[in-house]
Amino acid sequence: MTPAAPLPGVATGLPALVLRELKVRAGHDEVEVFLKRGRSRRLTLGLTGPVSLVSQERAWAVRAGGHRGSFWVAGTGEPQPEGPWPVPTGPAFTLPDPSPAASWNPPSDLDSPLIGETEGLKLLMSIGRELAVELPGARLLHAALEDGSSEAELLSSRGVSARYRHRVAALHLEASGPGRPAACTRLYLAAREGRRFHPGALARRLADRLIVAGSGQPPAILEGGSGEILLAPPVAARLLAGLLPLLVGPRGTPRITALRDRRGRIGHRCLTLIDNGRLPGGIFEAPVDGEGMPCREVLLIEEGTFRQPLLAWWQVGETGMTPTGCSRRPGWRDLPTPGPTHLYVKPDPRISVASLLQAVKRGYYLIDAPGAMHLDLDADLFSLSVQGFAVESGRATAPVSKARLTGGVGALLRGIAAVGRDLSFEMLDGMIGSPSLLVMGLELRGE
């Protein structure tokens, strides 16, 4: 069968041909065509030596249907406009109408070349050497760096036409400490490109974790509670990721608004929580989301007051709120789902980490969260495995491990007494970021 001509008024090219075939010839009311192209270099360094792989990706996904049903199908290479296409046996669905996006200039580093094989392996080996200097007897067991770039194109029967690009480098490290049995730790980090990773800083972070994991003891029971607790950015980010059921979609709104105090706040006035798909320098910075809807900065919590959750266009309904451009496509095999892109606590540029540590008269400085957060919304209780240091008068006195930070969600949000300026992001469910947080009213227990 000869592919049909493109529809008048829409972009030409393969997506338009597929769109024409499914809408005009097959009679589907709703059609969306998604194309993705990418390339990456993966470098690994382990006990068996270095490995380098280069890969290229060309893939697509199509969903189409009407009031009687729908289908979704995906594959590698390029779709053939004439099909064959599946029978629409799935539920009916609706696509968004186009919405204008604010002007956006692609960041210049999107065009930077992938890290070279020699350069990348040198980076990984430097991390291992720096770690051995920071903590004699420690060694890097495994290191993997994947540096890639991609371009996506989206076209729909409702007139949505969008393109966006991403440039992401992911680094995975596994290390062991001295002694037997040796403590082990892991790091999983992301940056716009691999050249932004600094071996010395990474080695210090690994060494700190190994020291705590290897020699730490369960926390002592402090008279009057656990005192002040300083959360390093990785720990605070884990807590934020655990609260996503309250912050994404409309279902969590009744639960989080129930935490309001008599002034209408759910948290301390120093707490402002933002999600921004267009965050300058962000890993997933783009003008539109995975359904072609405009991304923007969204205030979820402003100075302790809850404003709105993250809502995809189809979740707005009669809420009176506006969509936030938060539909994500983690990969070409995935349907769009709402979620954070760059979710972070707004830092306070006036407050250093050193001043926050000095504010801890008797308590803990928590630097790592080895596991996921457990959240019981019905009981209003969370629990997070943590490790760090006991602190007296602003000075670390002993490493602490085999501990769990526990408390209520309301107590956590209201207990944030101060916010630092050292904002950093963790690759969790999206990029989740926070500066150091000084919190009160939580409890640290031995596991």
Protein backbone atom coordinates (compact mmCIF):
# COMPACT_ATOMS: atom_id res chain seq x y z
CA MET A 1 0.00 0.00 0.00
CA THR A 2 1.29 3.46 -0.90
CA PRO A 3 1.42 5.86 2.09
CA ALA A 4 -1.13 8.66 1.93
CA ALA A 5 -0.15 12.29 1.46
CA PRO A 6 0.28 14.39 4.60
CA LEU A 7 -2.66 16.30 6.08
CA PRO A 8 -2.92 19.96 5.04
CA GLY A 9 -1.75 22.36 7.73
CA VAL A 10 0.46 19.91 9.63
CA ALA A 11 4.18 19.24 9.51
CA THR A 12 5.47 16.98 6.81
CA GLY A 13 7.63 13.97 7.44
CA LEU A 14 7.11 10.50 8.86
CA PRO A 15 4.94 11.49 11.87
CA ALA A 16 2.54 13.34 9.54
CA LEU A 17 2.29 10.33 7.22
CA VAL A 18 1.46 8.02 10.14
CA LEU A 19 -1.05 10.54 11.44
CA ARG A 20 -2.75 10.78 8.05
CA GLU A 21 -2.95 7.02 7.66
CA LEU A 22 -4.55 6.46 11.08
CA LYS A 23 -6.92 9.44 11.06
CA VAL A 24 -8.10 9.65 7.48
CA ARG A 25 -7.88 6.09 6.24
CA ALA A 26 -8.45 4.17 9.49
CA GLY A 27 -10.92 6.70 10.90
CA HIS A 28 -9.46 7.15 14.38
CA ASP A 29 -10.51 10.38 16.11
CA GLU A 30 -7.51 10.59 18.43
CA VAL A 31 -4.00 9.90 17.10
CA GLU A 32 -0.60 10.65 18.65
CA VAL A 33 2.76 9.83 17.06
CA PHE A 34 5.95 9.94 19.14
CA LEU A 35 9.45 9.52 17.67
CA LYS A 36 12.69 9.40 19.65
CA ARG A 37 16.29 9.32 18.46
CA GLY A 38 19.33 9.13 20.70
CA ARG A 39 22.93 8.06 21.11
CA SER A 40 24.98 7.22 24.16
CA ARG A 41 28.38 6.00 25.31
CA ARG A 42 28.55 3.64 28.29
CA LEU A 43 31.83 3.15 30.12
CA THR A 44 32.27 0.66 32.94
CA LEU A 45 35.19 -0.03 35.22
CA GLY A 46 35.13 -3.13 37.41
CA LEU A 47 37.19 -5.98 38.73
CA THR A 48 37.47 -7.42 35.20
CA GLY A 49 38.75 -4.19 33.63
CA PRO A 50 37.29 -1.37 31.52
CA VAL A 51 34.47 -1.79 28.97
CA SER A 52 33.26 0.78 26.44
CA LEU A 53 30.06 0.58 24.40
CA VAL A 54 28.46 3.04 21.98
CA SER A 55 24.80 2.70 21.06
CA GLN A 56 22.24 4.52 18.92
CA GLU A 57 18.47 4.45 19.40
CA ARG A 58 15.63 5.06 16.96
CA ALA A 59 12.23 4.22 18.34
CA TRP A 60 8.57 5.22 18.17
CA ALA A 61 5.23 4.91 19.90
CA VAL A 62 1.70 5.43 18.59
CA ARG A 63 -1.64 5.58 20.36
CA ALA A 64 -4.90 5.97 18.49
CA GLY A 65 -8.60 5.38 18.92
CA GLY A 66 -12.02 6.88 19.44
CA HIS A 67 -15.12 6.46 21.56
CA ARG A 68 -15.24 2.72 20.80
CA GLY A 69 -11.72 1.85 21.89
CA SER A 70 -8.03 2.48 21.43
CA PHE A 71 -4.61 0.89 20.95
CA TRP A 72 -1.05 1.70 21.95
CA VAL A 73 1.95 0.19 20.20
CA ALA A 74 5.71 0.90 20.17
CA GLY A 75 8.79 -0.39 18.43
CA THR A 76 12.35 0.28 17.32
CA GLY A 77 13.38 1.75 14.00
CA GLU A 78 10.68 3.77 12.24
CA PRO A 79 6.95 3.05 11.98
CA GLN A 80 5.47 2.12 8.64
CA PRO A 81 2.57 4.48 7.93
CA GLU A 82 0.51 1.71 6.33
CA GLY A 83 0.89 -0.54 9.39
CA PRO A 84 -0.37 -3.12 10.05
CA TRP A 85 -1.97 -1.47 13.11
CA PRO A 86 -3.66 -3.29 16.00
CA VAL A 87 -7.39 -3.54 16.55
CA PRO A 88 -8.49 -0.88 19.09
CA THR A 89 -9.52 -3.02 22.08
CA GLY A 90 -8.35 -0.73 24.89
CA PRO A 91 -10.31 1.99 26.68
CA ALA A 92 -11.21 5.23 24.94
CA PHE A 93 -8.96 8.22 25.61
CA THR A 94 -8.67 11.91 24.78
CA LEU A 95 -5.62 13.91 23.71
CA PRO A 96 -4.92 17.51 24.75
CA ASP A 97 -5.55 20.53 22.58
CA PRO A 98 -2.45 22.56 21.74
CA SER A 99 -1.44 25.26 24.19
CA PRO A 100 1.17 27.95 23.42
CA ALA A 101 4.49 27.63 25.24
CA ALA A 102 6.63 30.57 26.29
CA SER A 103 9.70 31.19 24.14
CA TRP A 104 12.63 28.93 24.94
CA ASN A 105 16.23 28.94 23.81
CA PRO A 106 17.84 25.50 23.90
CA PRO A 107 20.87 25.45 26.25
CA SER A 108 24.16 25.51 24.38
CA ASP A 109 25.50 22.44 26.18
CA LEU A 110 22.86 20.27 24.50
CA ASP A 111 25.26 20.34 21.53
CA SER A 112 28.33 19.29 23.52
CA PRO A 113 29.92 16.05 22.29
CA LEU A 114 29.62 12.85 24.27
CA ILE A 115 32.49 12.22 26.62
CA GLY A 116 35.32 10.36 24.90
CA GLU A 117 36.35 6.82 25.84
CA THR A 118 39.79 7.85 27.13
CA GLU A 119 38.38 10.90 28.94
CA GLY A 120 35.56 8.92 30.54
CA LEU A 121 37.72 6.04 31.75
CA LYS A 122 40.21 8.55 33.16
CA LEU A 123 37.37 10.11 35.15
CA LEU A 124 36.32 6.75 36.61
CA MET A 125 39.89 5.76 37.48
CA SER A 126 40.46 9.16 39.11
CA ILE A 127 37.50 8.55 41.42
CA GLY A 128 39.09 5.27 42.54
CA ARG A 129 42.48 6.90 43.18
CA GLU A 130 40.96 9.82 45.11
CA LEU A 131 38.92 7.40 47.22
CA ALA A 132 42.06 5.46 48.22
CA VAL A 133 43.65 8.75 49.34
CA GLU A 134 40.58 9.88 51.30
CA LEU A 135 40.16 6.52 53.03
CA PRO A 136 43.17 4.16 52.86
CA GLY A 137 42.04 0.61 52.24
CA ALA A 138 38.84 1.65 50.47
CA ARG A 139 38.38 0.72 46.83
CA LEU A 140 36.01 1.28 43.98
CA LEU A 141 34.29 -2.01 43.14
CA HIS A 142 32.29 -0.86 40.16
CA ALA A 143 31.84 2.37 38.24
CA ALA A 144 29.55 3.01 35.27
CA LEU A 145 29.13 6.23 33.32
CA GLU A 146 26.48 6.58 30.63
CA ASP A 147 26.61 9.82 28.68
CA GLY A 148 23.85 10.39 26.14
CA SER A 149 21.73 12.80 24.16
CA SER A 150 18.29 12.42 22.61
CA GLU A 151 15.72 14.24 20.50
CA ALA A 152 11.97 13.63 20.61
CA GLU A 153 9.23 14.64 18.18
CA LEU A 154 5.51 14.60 18.97
CA LEU A 155 2.55 15.11 16.62
CA SER A 156 -1.16 14.65 17.32
CA SER A 157 -4.45 14.83 15.45
CA ARG A 158 -5.50 17.77 17.67
CA GLY A 159 -2.71 19.97 16.38
CA VAL A 160 -0.02 19.40 19.00
CA SER A 161 3.39 19.59 17.33
CA ALA A 162 6.48 19.66 19.54
CA ARG A 163 10.17 18.86 19.59
CA TYR A 164 12.50 18.74 22.56
CA ARG A 165 16.00 17.54 23.36
CA HIS A 166 17.74 16.11 26.42
CA ARG A 167 21.40 15.72 27.40
CA VAL A 168 21.96 13.44 30.41
CA ALA A 169 24.94 11.72 32.01
CA ALA A 170 24.29 9.11 34.74
CA LEU A 171 27.00 7.86 37.09
CA HIS A 172 26.73 4.74 39.23
CA LEU A 173 29.42 3.97 41.82
CA GLU A 174 29.88 1.05 44.22
CA ALA A 175 32.68 1.09 46.80
CA SER A 176 33.87 -0.92 49.79
CA GLY A 177 35.76 0.25 52.86
CA PRO A 178 38.73 -1.16 54.77
CA GLY A 179 38.45 -3.97 57.31
CA ARG A 180 36.53 -7.22 57.42
CA PRO A 181 33.68 -7.41 56.95
CA ALA A 182 34.04 -4.36 54.72
CA ALA A 183 31.27 -1.80 54.62
CA CYS A 184 29.81 -1.05 51.18
CA THR A 185 28.01 1.95 49.73
CA ARG A 186 26.55 3.14 46.44
CA LEU A 187 25.99 6.44 44.66
CA TYR A 188 23.72 7.11 41.72
CA LEU A 189 24.04 10.63 40.31
CA ALA A 190 23.08 12.57 37.20
CA ALA A 191 24.38 15.70 35.47
CA ARG A 192 23.82 17.45 32.15
CA GLU A 193 27.08 15.94 30.87
CA GLY A 194 29.77 13.63 32.22
CA ARG A 195 32.43 16.36 32.42
CA ARG A 196 30.57 17.93 35.34
CA PHE A 197 31.43 15.11 37.75
CA HIS A 198 34.35 15.97 40.08
CA PRO A 199 36.42 12.96 41.28
CA GLY A 200 37.58 14.58 44.53
CA ALA A 201 34.09 15.55 45.67
CA LEU A 202 32.70 12.13 44.77
CA ALA A 203 35.54 10.36 46.60
CA ARG A 204 34.91 12.40 49.77
CA ARG A 205 31.23 11.57 49.64
CA LEU A 206 31.96 7.85 49.26
CA ALA A 207 34.54 7.96 52.07
CA ASP A 208 32.13 9.67 54.48
CA ARG A 209 29.49 7.04 53.80
CA LEU A 210 31.94 4.17 54.21
CA ILE A 211 33.23 5.53 57.53
CA VAL A 212 29.71 5.85 58.91
CA ALA A 213 28.56 2.48 57.58
CA GLY A 214 31.69 0.70 58.83
CA SER A 215 32.05 2.14 62.33
CA GLY A 216 28.67 3.66 63.13
CA GLN A 217 26.56 2.50 66.07
CA PRO A 218 22.81 2.79 66.66
CA PRO A 219 21.78 6.17 68.06
CA ALA A 220 21.68 6.72 71.79
CA ILE A 221 18.39 7.59 73.47
CA LEU A 222 18.62 11.30 74.23
CA GLU A 223 16.77 12.76 77.16
CA GLY A 224 13.98 14.98 75.87
CA GLY A 225 13.92 13.40 72.41
CA SER A 226 16.36 13.40 69.48
CA GLY A 227 17.06 17.13 69.63
CA GLU A 228 17.91 19.10 66.51
CA ILE A 229 18.48 17.06 63.35
CA LEU A 230 20.34 18.41 60.34
CA LEU A 231 19.44 16.64 57.11
CA ALA A 232 22.00 16.71 54.29
CA PRO A 233 20.53 17.20 50.78
CA PRO A 234 20.49 13.46 49.86
CA VAL A 235 18.45 12.62 52.98
CA ALA A 236 16.06 15.54 52.51
CA ALA A 237 15.56 14.54 48.86
CA ARG A 238 14.65 10.98 49.90
CA LEU A 239 12.01 12.37 52.26
CA LEU A 240 10.57 14.55 49.48
CA ALA A 241 10.42 11.57 47.13
CA GLY A 242 8.49 9.65 49.78
CA LEU A 243 5.89 12.44 49.94
CA LEU A 244 5.07 12.32 46.21
CA PRO A 245 1.72 10.52 46.77
CA LEU A 246 0.58 13.73 48.48
CA LEU A 247 1.99 16.07 45.83
CA VAL A 248 1.18 14.44 42.47
CA GLY A 249 -2.40 14.22 41.24
CA PRO A 250 -5.63 15.25 42.97
CA ARG A 251 -5.98 12.25 45.29
CA GLY A 252 -3.44 13.41 47.86
CA THR A 253 -4.87 16.93 48.19
CA PRO A 254 -7.47 16.13 50.90
CA ARG A 255 -4.77 14.45 53.00
CA ILE A 256 -2.25 17.26 52.74
CA THR A 257 -4.81 20.02 53.31
CA ALA A 258 -5.92 18.18 56.44
CA LEU A 259 -2.50 19.02 57.90
CA ARG A 260 -3.25 22.77 57.96
CA ASP A 261 -2.89 24.57 61.26
CA ARG A 262 -5.10 27.43 62.50
CA ARG A 263 -3.15 29.85 60.26
CA GLY A 264 -3.83 27.70 57.20
CA ARG A 265 -0.24 26.49 56.83
CA ILE A 266 0.96 22.93 56.49
CA GLY A 267 4.62 23.76 57.05
CA HIS A 268 7.06 26.30 58.44
CA ARG A 269 7.26 29.66 56.65
CA CYS A 270 10.78 28.87 55.46
CA LEU A 271 9.41 25.97 53.37
CA THR A 272 8.72 26.70 49.69
CA LEU A 273 8.44 23.70 47.37
CA ILE A 274 8.71 24.14 43.59
CA ASP A 275 8.56 21.96 40.48
CA ASN A 276 9.90 23.38 37.24
CA GLY A 277 10.21 21.49 33.96
CA ARG A 278 12.07 24.47 32.48
CA LEU A 279 14.57 24.81 35.35
CA PRO A 280 17.71 26.43 33.84
CA GLY A 281 20.51 23.87 33.88
CA GLY A 282 18.14 21.09 34.95
CA ILE A 283 18.70 17.58 33.67
CA PHE A 284 15.29 17.46 31.95
CA GLU A 285 15.01 21.15 31.05
CA ALA A 286 12.54 21.46 28.16
CA PRO A 287 9.79 23.79 26.91
CA VAL A 288 7.08 21.10 26.91
CA ASP A 289 6.26 17.87 28.72
CA GLY A 290 5.80 14.38 27.27
CA GLU A 291 2.38 15.27 25.82
CA GLY A 292 3.50 18.56 24.29
CA MET A 293 1.96 20.70 27.04
CA PRO A 294 3.95 23.79 28.15
CA CYS A 295 6.21 23.34 31.18
CA ARG A 296 6.38 26.09 33.80
CA GLU A 297 7.45 26.83 37.34
CA VAL A 298 4.80 25.63 39.80
CA LEU A 299 4.56 26.59 43.48
CA LEU A 300 3.28 23.54 45.34
CA ILE A 301 3.96 24.97 48.81
CA GLU A 302 4.66 28.68 49.28
CA GLU A 303 6.08 29.81 52.63
CA GLY A 304 4.36 26.91 54.37
CA THR A 305 1.01 27.29 52.57
CA PHE A 306 -0.15 24.52 50.22
CA ARG A 307 -1.04 25.95 46.81
CA GLN A 308 -1.69 23.00 44.49
CA PRO A 309 -0.46 19.54 43.51
CA LEU A 310 1.20 18.59 40.24
CA LEU A 311 -1.62 18.03 37.74
CA ALA A 312 -1.51 16.74 34.18
CA TRP A 313 -3.98 18.42 31.82
CA TRP A 314 -6.45 15.54 32.12
CA GLN A 315 -6.42 15.65 35.94
CA VAL A 316 -7.56 19.26 36.28
CA GLY A 317 -11.28 18.60 35.79
CA GLU A 318 -13.36 20.90 38.00
CA THR A 319 -10.58 21.64 40.49
CA GLY A 320 -10.25 25.23 39.30
CA MET A 321 -6.48 24.73 39.08
CA THR A 322 -4.31 24.98 35.98
CA PRO A 323 -2.34 22.08 34.46
CA THR A 324 1.33 22.08 35.36
CA GLY A 325 2.90 20.41 32.32
CA CYS A 326 4.05 17.34 34.24
CA SER A 327 3.37 14.39 31.92
CA ARG A 328 6.59 12.40 31.63
CA ARG A 329 7.78 9.77 29.14
CA PRO A 330 10.71 8.01 30.83
CA GLY A 331 11.24 6.06 27.61
CA TRP A 332 9.62 5.35 24.28
CA ARG A 333 8.05 2.20 25.73
CA ASP A 334 6.17 4.25 28.36
CA LEU A 335 2.83 6.00 28.19
CA PRO A 336 2.79 9.56 29.59
CA THR A 337 2.29 9.66 33.36
CA PRO A 338 2.20 12.68 35.72
CA GLY A 339 5.20 13.22 37.97
CA PRO A 340 7.86 15.70 39.03
CA THR A 341 10.60 16.91 36.71
CA HIS A 342 12.78 19.11 38.94
CA LEU A 343 11.07 19.14 42.36
CA TYR A 344 13.00 21.04 45.01
CA VAL A 345 12.91 23.01 48.25
CA LYS A 346 13.79 26.63 47.58
CA PRO A 347 17.19 27.38 49.17
CA ASP A 348 17.98 30.37 51.38
CA PRO A 349 21.14 32.05 50.01
CA ARG A 350 21.84 33.66 53.40
CA ILE A 351 22.28 30.43 55.37
CA SER A 352 25.42 28.27 55.17
CA VAL A 353 25.64 24.62 56.14
CA ALA A 354 28.23 25.53 58.79
CA SER A 355 25.75 27.86 60.51
CA LEU A 356 23.08 25.16 60.46
CA LEU A 357 25.51 22.69 62.03
CA GLN A 358 26.40 25.20 64.74
CA ALA A 359 22.69 25.39 65.59
CA VAL A 360 22.70 21.69 66.58
CA LYS A 361 23.40 21.78 70.33
CA ARG A 362 22.63 18.12 70.84
CA GLY A 363 21.33 15.98 68.03
CA TYR A 364 22.38 14.46 64.70
CA TYR A 365 23.74 15.30 61.27
CA LEU A 366 22.32 12.73 58.80
CA ILE A 367 24.25 12.39 55.53
CA ASP A 368 22.85 9.28 53.85
CA ALA A 369 19.58 7.40 53.41
CA PRO A 370 20.43 3.87 52.23
CA GLY A 371 16.83 2.77 51.64
CA ALA A 372 13.43 4.01 50.47
CA MET A 373 11.06 5.85 52.72
CA HIS A 374 8.09 3.96 54.19
CA LEU A 375 4.94 6.09 54.37
CA ASP A 376 1.69 5.13 56.14
CA LEU A 377 -0.77 7.86 55.21
CA ASP A 378 -3.58 6.45 57.35
CA ALA A 379 -1.40 6.52 60.46
CA ASP A 380 0.38 9.76 59.40
CA LEU A 381 3.75 8.12 59.96
CA PHE A 382 6.94 7.85 57.93
CA SER A 383 10.14 5.92 58.50
CA LEU A 384 13.46 6.28 56.67
CA SER A 385 16.70 4.32 57.13
CA VAL A 386 19.51 6.83 57.74
CA GLN A 387 23.10 7.19 58.88
CA GLY A 388 25.32 10.09 59.85
CA PHE A 389 26.91 11.55 62.98
CA ALA A 390 25.91 12.40 66.53
CA VAL A 391 26.50 16.12 67.16
CA GLU A 392 27.12 18.17 70.29
CA SER A 393 27.58 21.94 70.21
CA GLY A 394 27.99 21.90 66.43
CA ARG A 395 30.70 19.20 66.36
CA ALA A 396 30.42 15.59 65.23
CA THR A 397 31.16 13.23 68.13
CA ALA A 398 30.48 9.72 66.79
CA PRO A 399 29.29 7.98 63.60
CA VAL A 400 25.72 6.66 63.68
CA SER A 401 24.24 3.89 61.53
CA LYS A 402 21.54 1.23 61.77
CA ALA A 403 19.05 4.01 62.50
CA ARG A 404 15.60 5.08 61.35
CA LEU A 405 14.24 8.60 61.23
CA THR A 406 10.55 8.54 62.14
CA GLY A 407 7.67 10.95 62.68
CA GLY A 408 4.47 12.30 61.19
CA VAL A 409 4.23 14.06 57.83
CA GLY A 410 2.80 17.13 59.53
CA ALA A 411 5.56 17.09 62.13
CA LEU A 412 8.17 16.92 59.36
CA LEU A 413 6.76 19.85 57.36
CA ARG A 414 6.14 22.05 60.40
CA GLY A 415 9.41 21.04 61.99
CA ILE A 416 11.64 22.51 59.27
CA ALA A 417 13.22 25.36 61.22
CA ALA A 418 15.82 26.53 58.70
CA VAL A 419 16.84 25.95 55.06
CA GLY A 420 20.42 26.14 53.78
CA ARG A 421 21.79 27.38 50.48
CA ASP A 422 23.46 24.15 49.29
CA LEU A 423 20.75 22.95 46.88
CA SER A 424 21.58 19.71 45.07
CA PHE A 425 19.51 17.13 43.21
CA GLU A 426 19.19 13.34 43.40
CA MET A 427 17.93 11.17 40.55
CA LEU A 428 14.98 9.45 42.22
CA ASP A 429 11.44 9.67 40.81
CA GLY A 430 12.48 12.55 38.58
CA MET A 431 15.13 14.95 39.83
CA ILE A 432 14.39 15.65 43.51
CA GLY A 433 16.39 18.43 45.16
CA SER A 434 16.87 20.09 48.51
CA PRO A 435 19.40 22.12 50.45
CA SER A 436 20.35 21.05 53.98
CA LEU A 437 17.36 21.25 56.34
CA LEU A 438 17.38 21.82 60.10
CA VAL A 439 14.37 20.02 61.57
CA MET A 440 12.84 19.63 65.02
CA GLY A 441 10.28 17.25 66.44
CA LEU A 442 11.39 14.04 64.72
CA GLU A 443 12.76 10.92 66.34
CA LEU A 444 15.86 8.86 65.54
CA ARG A 445 15.61 5.24 66.60
CA GLY A 446 17.89 2.24 66.34
CA GLU A 447 16.82 -0.38 63.82
